[in-house]
């Protein structure tokens, strides 16, 4: 099984809607980079984001491990695209090194993953997977989607309709 490498957005929004702990039931190894830890836990705690504490607990429990990419040349190659956030670069580089799946929502980063041949999914993949694994009900999935949007997660009406169709 390919390991899962989380970027900030899936952690933040699944944390905001209080279902991030469900990823413990995914059989794959799960990772974040130190830069993502700093972004979601350290900075999140500084500004009082409640999900930062939940994310920290999941890391302390060993459900998600911190690991940094080592291939500096590849990291430098990814940073050639100025539209890619440094956390996204680290997530993509680690996913590439581990032959894993990058979990990110940013369109630029997903495009880079596509160009680099790095497997990738986003927050909705995780939400739908939880439903398919019966970790949450269909009703809870829809409530979670709407709650994420309420908290600022962005999605087009077309994507929203696609998500509803995928829930059937």
Protein backbone atom coordinates (compact mmCIF):
# COMPACT_ATOMS: atom_id res chain seq x y z
CA UNK A 1 0.00 0.00 0.00
CA UNK A 2 1.25 3.44 -0.92
CA UNK A 3 1.79 5.74 2.05
CA UNK A 4 -0.33 8.87 2.40
CA UNK A 5 1.47 12.22 2.65
CA UNK A 6 -0.75 14.99 4.01
CA UNK A 7 -0.55 18.63 3.04
CA UNK A 8 -2.04 21.30 5.32
CA UNK A 9 -5.53 21.69 3.84
CA UNK A 10 -6.86 18.14 4.39
CA UNK A 11 -5.53 18.16 7.96
CA UNK A 12 -7.01 21.55 8.73
CA UNK A 13 -10.48 20.96 7.32
CA UNK A 14 -10.90 17.39 8.59
CA UNK A 15 -9.73 18.76 11.93
CA UNK A 16 -12.19 21.67 11.81
CA UNK A 17 -15.08 19.26 11.29
CA UNK A 18 -13.71 16.91 13.96
CA UNK A 19 -13.31 13.75 11.88
CA UNK A 20 -9.55 13.72 11.32
CA UNK A 21 -9.20 10.91 13.87
CA UNK A 22 -10.94 8.59 11.37
CA UNK A 23 -7.74 8.43 9.29
CA UNK A 24 -6.38 6.14 12.00
CA UNK A 25 -8.52 3.43 10.35
CA UNK A 26 -6.75 3.80 7.00
CA UNK A 27 -4.25 0.94 6.74
CA UNK A 28 -1.55 2.96 4.94
CA UNK A 29 1.37 4.64 6.70
CA UNK A 30 0.58 8.34 7.09
CA UNK A 31 3.06 11.22 7.05
CA UNK A 32 3.44 14.97 7.17
CA UNK A 33 6.60 17.00 6.73
CA UNK A 34 8.10 19.25 9.39
CA UNK A 35 7.05 22.32 7.37
CA UNK A 36 3.43 21.17 7.41
CA UNK A 37 3.69 20.46 11.16
CA UNK A 38 4.92 24.03 11.69
CA UNK A 39 2.11 25.40 9.52
CA UNK A 40 -0.82 23.50 10.98
CA UNK A 41 0.22 22.77 14.56
CA UNK A 42 2.73 25.38 15.68
CA UNK A 43 1.20 28.35 13.83
CA UNK A 44 -2.31 27.01 14.37
CA UNK A 45 -1.78 26.88 18.14
CA UNK A 46 -0.27 30.39 18.10
CA UNK A 47 -3.44 31.81 16.56
CA UNK A 48 -5.78 29.61 18.62
CA UNK A 49 -7.08 27.23 15.95
CA UNK A 50 -8.74 24.33 17.83
CA UNK A 51 -7.92 21.78 15.12
CA UNK A 52 -4.20 22.38 15.71
CA UNK A 53 -4.49 20.64 19.07
CA UNK A 54 -6.35 17.69 17.50
CA UNK A 55 -3.73 17.34 14.78
CA UNK A 56 -0.97 17.45 17.40
CA UNK A 57 -2.66 14.65 19.41
CA UNK A 58 -2.90 12.45 16.31
CA UNK A 59 0.80 12.99 15.64
CA UNK A 60 1.72 12.33 19.28
CA UNK A 61 -0.30 9.10 19.10
CA UNK A 62 1.81 8.00 16.12
CA UNK A 63 -1.15 7.87 13.72
CA UNK A 64 0.58 10.38 11.47
CA UNK A 65 4.38 10.53 11.51
CA UNK A 66 6.66 13.45 10.70
CA UNK A 67 9.19 12.77 7.95
CA UNK A 68 11.12 15.14 5.72
CA UNK A 69 12.11 14.61 2.10
CA UNK A 70 15.84 14.18 1.54
CA UNK A 71 16.34 14.73 -2.18
CA UNK A 72 17.46 18.39 -2.17
CA UNK A 73 17.92 18.40 -5.95
CA UNK A 74 14.30 17.32 -6.47
CA UNK A 75 13.06 19.86 -3.91
CA UNK A 76 14.97 22.57 -5.76
CA UNK A 77 13.43 21.38 -9.06
CA UNK A 78 9.92 21.68 -7.58
CA UNK A 79 10.62 25.17 -6.22
CA UNK A 80 11.30 26.36 -9.77
CA UNK A 81 7.53 26.88 -9.97
CA UNK A 82 6.91 30.10 -7.98
CA UNK A 83 3.19 29.28 -7.65
CA UNK A 84 3.89 26.20 -5.51
CA UNK A 85 3.82 26.86 -1.76
CA UNK A 86 6.89 25.56 0.18
CA UNK A 87 4.69 23.15 2.17
CA UNK A 88 3.30 21.76 -1.07
CA UNK A 89 6.85 21.30 -2.37
CA UNK A 90 7.79 19.28 0.71
CA UNK A 91 4.60 17.21 0.49
CA UNK A 92 5.16 16.44 -3.18
CA UNK A 93 8.86 15.67 -2.67
CA UNK A 94 8.13 13.27 0.21
CA UNK A 95 5.30 11.58 -1.70
CA UNK A 96 7.69 11.12 -4.62
CA UNK A 97 10.46 9.69 -2.42
CA UNK A 98 8.08 7.26 -0.70
CA UNK A 99 6.22 6.40 -3.93
CA UNK A 100 3.18 7.56 -2.00
CA UNK A 101 0.03 9.58 -2.49
CA UNK A 102 0.13 13.35 -1.91
CA UNK A 103 -3.05 14.57 -0.22
CA UNK A 104 -3.53 18.17 -1.25
CA UNK A 105 -6.22 20.49 -2.59
CA UNK A 106 -4.24 23.34 -4.15
CA UNK A 107 -4.77 23.33 -7.93
CA UNK A 108 -1.21 24.39 -8.75
CA UNK A 109 0.23 21.67 -6.52
CA UNK A 110 -2.12 19.06 -7.98
CA UNK A 111 -1.05 20.13 -11.47
CA UNK A 112 2.59 19.77 -10.46
CA UNK A 113 1.85 16.31 -9.03
CA UNK A 114 0.24 15.36 -12.34
CA UNK A 115 3.22 16.64 -14.35
CA UNK A 116 5.70 14.85 -12.05
CA UNK A 117 3.78 11.56 -12.03
CA UNK A 118 3.08 11.76 -8.29
CA UNK A 119 -0.14 10.13 -7.16
CA UNK A 120 -2.47 12.62 -5.51
CA UNK A 121 -5.91 13.05 -4.02
CA UNK A 122 -7.58 15.70 -1.91
CA UNK A 123 -9.77 16.25 1.11
CA UNK A 124 -12.88 14.98 -0.67
CA UNK A 125 -11.16 11.68 -1.45
CA UNK A 126 -10.56 11.24 2.28
CA UNK A 127 -14.13 12.18 3.14
CA UNK A 128 -15.61 9.78 0.57
CA UNK A 129 -13.21 7.05 1.61
CA UNK A 130 -14.38 7.40 5.21
CA UNK A 131 -17.94 6.97 3.99
CA UNK A 132 -17.07 3.94 1.85
CA UNK A 133 -15.26 2.36 4.80
CA UNK A 134 -18.39 3.03 6.90
CA UNK A 135 -16.45 5.23 9.29
CA UNK A 136 -19.07 7.92 8.72
CA UNK A 137 -22.60 7.71 7.31
CA UNK A 138 -23.74 9.17 4.01
CA UNK A 139 -25.66 11.80 5.99
CA UNK A 140 -22.55 12.66 8.05
CA UNK A 141 -20.53 12.89 4.81
CA UNK A 142 -22.91 15.50 3.40
CA UNK A 143 -23.00 17.36 6.71
CA UNK A 144 -19.19 17.28 6.81
CA UNK A 145 -18.91 18.61 3.26
CA UNK A 146 -21.27 21.48 4.05
CA UNK A 147 -19.47 22.21 7.32
CA UNK A 148 -16.10 22.34 5.51
CA UNK A 149 -17.55 24.86 3.05
CA UNK A 150 -18.93 26.85 5.99
CA UNK A 151 -15.39 26.94 7.43
CA UNK A 152 -13.97 28.28 4.16
CA UNK A 153 -13.12 25.20 2.08
CA UNK A 154 -13.77 26.24 -1.51
CA UNK A 155 -15.46 24.24 -4.19
CA UNK A 156 -17.28 25.05 -7.41
CA UNK A 157 -20.92 24.17 -7.89
CA UNK A 158 -19.78 21.65 -10.51
CA UNK A 159 -17.48 19.92 -8.03
CA UNK A 160 -20.20 19.99 -5.37
CA UNK A 161 -22.57 18.23 -7.80
CA UNK A 162 -19.86 15.66 -8.63
CA UNK A 163 -19.33 14.98 -4.93
CA UNK A 164 -23.06 14.45 -4.42
CA UNK A 165 -23.10 11.99 -7.33
CA UNK A 166 -20.10 10.13 -5.88
CA UNK A 167 -21.93 9.76 -2.58
CA UNK A 168 -24.68 7.63 -4.15
